[in-house]
Amino acid sequence: MKLRPVETVIDGVTIAGACQGPKNVVESINSALSAAIKSYSFVSNETLLVEPLVAEIDSEACTWCGACEEMCEFDAITKETVNGKEVAKVNFSICKGCGQCLPICEPNAIQLKNFSDEEVEGMIDVLANEL
């Protein structure tokens, strides 16, 4: 049996009943109760915790080609105009920090928080020196 059967890849969005697949009435009621309890656990807290590992866009380097928007499975990247220039914008509450948008960015305008190119290269250098 699948763990967390009512959760989706988007935090706070749950599914139940026939949305998951064919079910009888009893199974649908059980999954609906589970989804309701899971949803209540999100809205009952005063604050919503989000993943700190998210993508950041350097608006100076971004030239808006749209490749990052197409690559993002979570629709976390959109286009916005900053100082008359079209650039990418990350919705931090949706971004999962998967990093799929990083290698597709030609001008290297996207970095993950706390995992910039310099930081990762520094980690590799330390590891290589220890070996």
C-alpha atoms as a PDB file:
ATOM      1  CA  MET A   1       0.000   0.000   0.000  1.00  0.00           C
ATOM      2  CA  LYS A   2       1.222   3.466  -0.863  1.00  0.00           C
ATOM      3  CA  LEU A   3       2.391   5.694   1.978  1.00  0.00           C
ATOM      4  CA  ARG A   4       0.589   9.054   2.241  1.00  0.00           C
ATOM      5  CA  PRO A   5      -2.138   8.019  -0.237  1.00  0.00           C
ATOM      6  CA  VAL A   6      -4.108  11.281  -0.084  1.00  0.00           C
ATOM      7  CA  GLU A   7      -1.174  13.678  -0.547  1.00  0.00           C
ATOM      8  CA  THR A   8       0.015  15.168  -3.822  1.00  0.00           C
ATOM      9  CA  VAL A   9       3.333  16.736  -4.818  1.00  0.00           C
ATOM     10  CA  ILE A  10       1.891  20.141  -3.913  1.00  0.00           C
ATOM     11  CA  ASP A  11       1.839  20.712  -0.161  1.00  0.00           C
ATOM     12  CA  GLY A  12      -1.655  21.259   1.177  1.00  0.00           C
ATOM     13  CA  VAL A  13      -3.427  19.673  -1.796  1.00  0.00           C
ATOM     14  CA  THR A  14      -5.054  16.331  -1.028  1.00  0.00           C
ATOM     15  CA  ILE A  15      -7.116  13.950  -3.122  1.00  0.00           C
ATOM     16  CA  ALA A  16      -9.752  11.428  -2.126  1.00  0.00           C
ATOM     17  CA  GLY A  17     -12.245   8.958  -3.502  1.00  0.00           C
ATOM     18  CA  ALA A  18     -12.412   8.326  -7.223  1.00  0.00           C
ATOM     19  CA  CYS A  19      -9.663  10.917  -7.868  1.00  0.00           C
ATOM     20  CA  GLN A  20      -7.192   8.273  -6.742  1.00  0.00           C
ATOM     21  CA  GLY A  21      -8.726   5.456  -8.744  1.00  0.00           C
ATOM     22  CA  PRO A  22     -11.750   3.164  -8.711  1.00  0.00           C
ATOM     23  CA  LYS A  23     -13.116   2.729  -5.179  1.00  0.00           C
ATOM     24  CA  ASN A  24     -16.248   1.528  -3.489  1.00  0.00           C
ATOM     25  CA  VAL A  25     -18.241   3.743  -1.113  1.00  0.00           C
ATOM     26  CA  VAL A  26     -16.470   2.621   2.071  1.00  0.00           C
ATOM     27  CA  GLU A  27     -13.003   3.167   0.592  1.00  0.00           C
ATOM     28  CA  SER A  28     -14.069   6.586  -0.734  1.00  0.00           C
ATOM     29  CA  ILE A  29     -15.358   7.649   2.692  1.00  0.00           C
ATOM     30  CA  ASN A  30     -12.147   6.489   4.380  1.00  0.00           C
ATOM     31  CA  SER A  31      -9.943   8.353   1.917  1.00  0.00           C
ATOM     32  CA  ALA A  32     -12.149  11.470   2.252  1.00  0.00           C
ATOM     33  CA  LEU A  33     -11.764  11.399   6.041  1.00  0.00           C
ATOM     34  CA  SER A  34      -8.015  10.958   5.677  1.00  0.00           C
ATOM     35  CA  ALA A  35      -7.788  13.862   3.219  1.00  0.00           C
ATOM     36  CA  ALA A  36      -9.887  16.064   5.513  1.00  0.00           C
ATOM     37  CA  ILE A  37      -7.660  15.333   8.503  1.00  0.00           C
ATOM     38  CA  LYS A  38      -4.502  15.970   6.471  1.00  0.00           C
ATOM     39  CA  SER A  39      -5.897  19.256   5.119  1.00  0.00           C
ATOM     40  CA  TYR A  40      -6.929  20.329   8.614  1.00  0.00           C
ATOM     41  CA  SER A  41      -3.378  19.747   9.838  1.00  0.00           C
ATOM     42  CA  PHE A  42      -2.208  22.406   7.352  1.00  0.00           C
ATOM     43  CA  VAL A  43      -4.823  25.052   8.112  1.00  0.00           C
ATOM     44  CA  SER A  44      -4.884  24.556  11.880  1.00  0.00           C
ATOM     45  CA  ASN A  45      -1.327  25.850  12.331  1.00  0.00           C
ATOM     46  CA  GLU A  46      -0.684  29.566  12.667  1.00  0.00           C
ATOM     47  CA  THR A  47       2.259  29.371  10.279  1.00  0.00           C
ATOM     48  CA  LEU A  48       2.913  27.280   7.204  1.00  0.00           C
ATOM     49  CA  LEU A  49       6.349  25.706   6.985  1.00  0.00           C
ATOM     50  CA  VAL A  50       7.899  25.640   3.519  1.00  0.00           C
ATOM     51  CA  GLU A  51      11.069  24.017   2.234  1.00  0.00           C
ATOM     52  CA  PRO A  52      14.069  26.353   2.626  1.00  0.00           C
ATOM     53  CA  LEU A  53      15.797  24.888  -0.424  1.00  0.00           C
ATOM     54  CA  VAL A  54      14.330  26.878  -3.324  1.00  0.00           C
ATOM     55  CA  ALA A  55      15.561  28.362  -6.583  1.00  0.00           C
ATOM     56  CA  GLU A  56      16.660  31.997  -6.764  1.00  0.00           C
ATOM     57  CA  ILE A  57      16.787  34.090  -9.925  1.00  0.00           C
ATOM     58  CA  ASP A  58      19.473  36.702 -10.600  1.00  0.00           C
ATOM     59  CA  SER A  59      17.343  39.263 -12.434  1.00  0.00           C
ATOM     60  CA  GLU A  60      20.450  41.010 -13.766  1.00  0.00           C
ATOM     61  CA  ALA A  61      21.657  37.860 -15.530  1.00  0.00           C
ATOM     62  CA  CYS A  62      18.239  36.510 -16.598  1.00  0.00           C
ATOM     63  CA  THR A  63      17.305  37.111 -20.242  1.00  0.00           C
ATOM     64  CA  TRP A  64      13.922  35.291 -20.122  1.00  0.00           C
ATOM     65  CA  CYS A  65      14.111  32.540 -22.670  1.00  0.00           C
ATOM     66  CA  GLY A  66      11.272  30.604 -20.989  1.00  0.00           C
ATOM     67  CA  ALA A  67      13.204  27.338 -20.767  1.00  0.00           C
ATOM     68  CA  CYS A  68      13.079  27.275 -16.961  1.00  0.00           C
ATOM     69  CA  GLU A  69       9.302  27.788 -16.985  1.00  0.00           C
ATOM     70  CA  GLU A  70       8.876  24.863 -19.398  1.00  0.00           C
ATOM     71  CA  MET A  71      11.204  22.648 -17.343  1.00  0.00           C
ATOM     72  CA  CYS A  72       9.516  23.262 -13.961  1.00  0.00           C
ATOM     73  CA  GLU A  73       7.125  20.405 -13.132  1.00  0.00           C
ATOM     74  CA  PHE A  74       5.525  22.414 -10.326  1.00  0.00           C
ATOM     75  CA  ASP A  75       4.751  25.617 -12.303  1.00  0.00           C
ATOM     76  CA  ALA A  76       6.796  27.591  -9.781  1.00  0.00           C
ATOM     77  CA  ILE A  77       8.477  29.819 -12.380  1.00  0.00           C
ATOM     78  CA  THR A  78       6.651  32.615 -14.161  1.00  0.00           C
ATOM     79  CA  LYS A  79       7.586  35.664 -16.215  1.00  0.00           C
ATOM     80  CA  GLU A  80       7.580  39.137 -14.687  1.00  0.00           C
ATOM     81  CA  THR A  81       8.741  42.569 -15.776  1.00  0.00           C
ATOM     82  CA  VAL A  82      11.446  44.218 -13.658  1.00  0.00           C
ATOM     83  CA  ASN A  83      12.638  47.687 -14.696  1.00  0.00           C
ATOM     84  CA  GLY A  84      11.261  47.172 -18.202  1.00  0.00           C
ATOM     85  CA  LYS A  85      13.035  43.825 -18.614  1.00  0.00           C
ATOM     86  CA  GLU A  86      11.285  40.447 -18.725  1.00  0.00           C
ATOM     87  CA  VAL A  87      12.825  38.012 -16.234  1.00  0.00           C
ATOM     88  CA  ALA A  88      11.900  34.791 -14.482  1.00  0.00           C
ATOM     89  CA  LYS A  89      10.298  34.836 -11.042  1.00  0.00           C
ATOM     90  CA  VAL A  90      10.109  31.931  -8.579  1.00  0.00           C
ATOM     91  CA  ASN A  91       7.029  31.358  -6.425  1.00  0.00           C
ATOM     92  CA  PHE A  92       8.769  30.200  -3.226  1.00  0.00           C
ATOM     93  CA  SER A  93       5.673  28.554  -1.766  1.00  0.00           C
ATOM     94  CA  ILE A  94       5.398  26.233  -4.785  1.00  0.00           C
ATOM     95  CA  CYS A  95       9.108  25.605  -5.546  1.00  0.00           C
ATOM     96  CA  LYS A  96      10.355  22.227  -4.325  1.00  0.00           C
ATOM     97  CA  GLY A  97      14.054  22.932  -4.853  1.00  0.00           C
ATOM     98  CA  CYS A  98      14.430  20.006  -7.248  1.00  0.00           C
ATOM     99  CA  GLY A  99      17.035  21.883  -9.307  1.00  0.00           C
ATOM    100  CA  GLN A 100      15.733  20.859 -12.744  1.00  0.00           C
ATOM    101  CA  CYS A 101      15.691  24.496 -13.854  1.00  0.00           C
ATOM    102  CA  LEU A 102      19.387  25.075 -13.077  1.00  0.00           C
ATOM    103  CA  PRO A 103      21.140  23.223 -15.924  1.00  0.00           C
ATOM    104  CA  ILE A 104      18.690  24.476 -18.555  1.00  0.00           C
ATOM    105  CA  CYS A 105      19.478  28.146 -17.811  1.00  0.00           C
ATOM    106  CA  GLU A 106      21.960  29.376 -20.452  1.00  0.00           C
ATOM    107  CA  PRO A 107      23.088  32.568 -18.663  1.00  0.00           C
ATOM    108  CA  ASN A 108      23.358  30.632 -15.343  1.00  0.00           C
ATOM    109  CA  ALA A 109      20.897  33.027 -13.679  1.00  0.00           C
ATOM    110  CA  ILE A 110      19.307  30.367 -11.433  1.00  0.00           C
ATOM    111  CA  GLN A 111      20.877  29.058  -8.234  1.00  0.00           C
ATOM    112  CA  LEU A 112      19.538  27.046  -5.295  1.00  0.00           C
ATOM    113  CA  LYS A 113      19.649  28.795  -1.925  1.00  0.00           C
ATOM    114  CA  ASN A 114      22.690  27.566   0.031  1.00  0.00           C
ATOM    115  CA  PHE A 115      23.790  25.495  -2.975  1.00  0.00           C
ATOM    116  CA  SER A 116      25.222  28.048  -5.375  1.00  0.00           C
ATOM    117  CA  ASP A 117      27.886  26.967  -7.862  1.00  0.00           C
ATOM    118  CA  GLU A 118      30.636  28.407  -5.659  1.00  0.00           C
ATOM    119  CA  GLU A 119      29.366  26.593  -2.555  1.00  0.00           C
ATOM    120  CA  VAL A 120      29.077  23.241  -4.327  1.00  0.00           C
ATOM    121  CA  GLU A 121      32.542  23.655  -5.880  1.00  0.00           C
ATOM    122  CA  GLY A 122      33.897  24.461  -2.410  1.00  0.00           C
ATOM    123  CA  MET A 123      32.344  21.250  -1.033  1.00  0.00           C
ATOM    124  CA  ILE A 124      33.913  19.258  -3.867  1.00  0.00           C
ATOM    125  CA  ASP A 125      37.331  20.858  -3.236  1.00  0.00           C
ATOM    126  CA  VAL A 126      37.166  19.980   0.472  1.00  0.00           C
ATOM    127  CA  LEU A 127      36.148  16.423  -0.327  1.00  0.00           C
ATOM    128  CA  ALA A 128      38.907  16.058  -2.954  1.00  0.00           C
ATOM    129  CA  ASN A 129      41.538  17.405  -0.532  1.00  0.00           C
ATOM    130  CA  GLU A 130      40.466  14.954   2.184  1.00  0.00           C
ATOM    131  CA  LEU A 131      40.893  12.005  -0.156  1.00  0.00           C
END
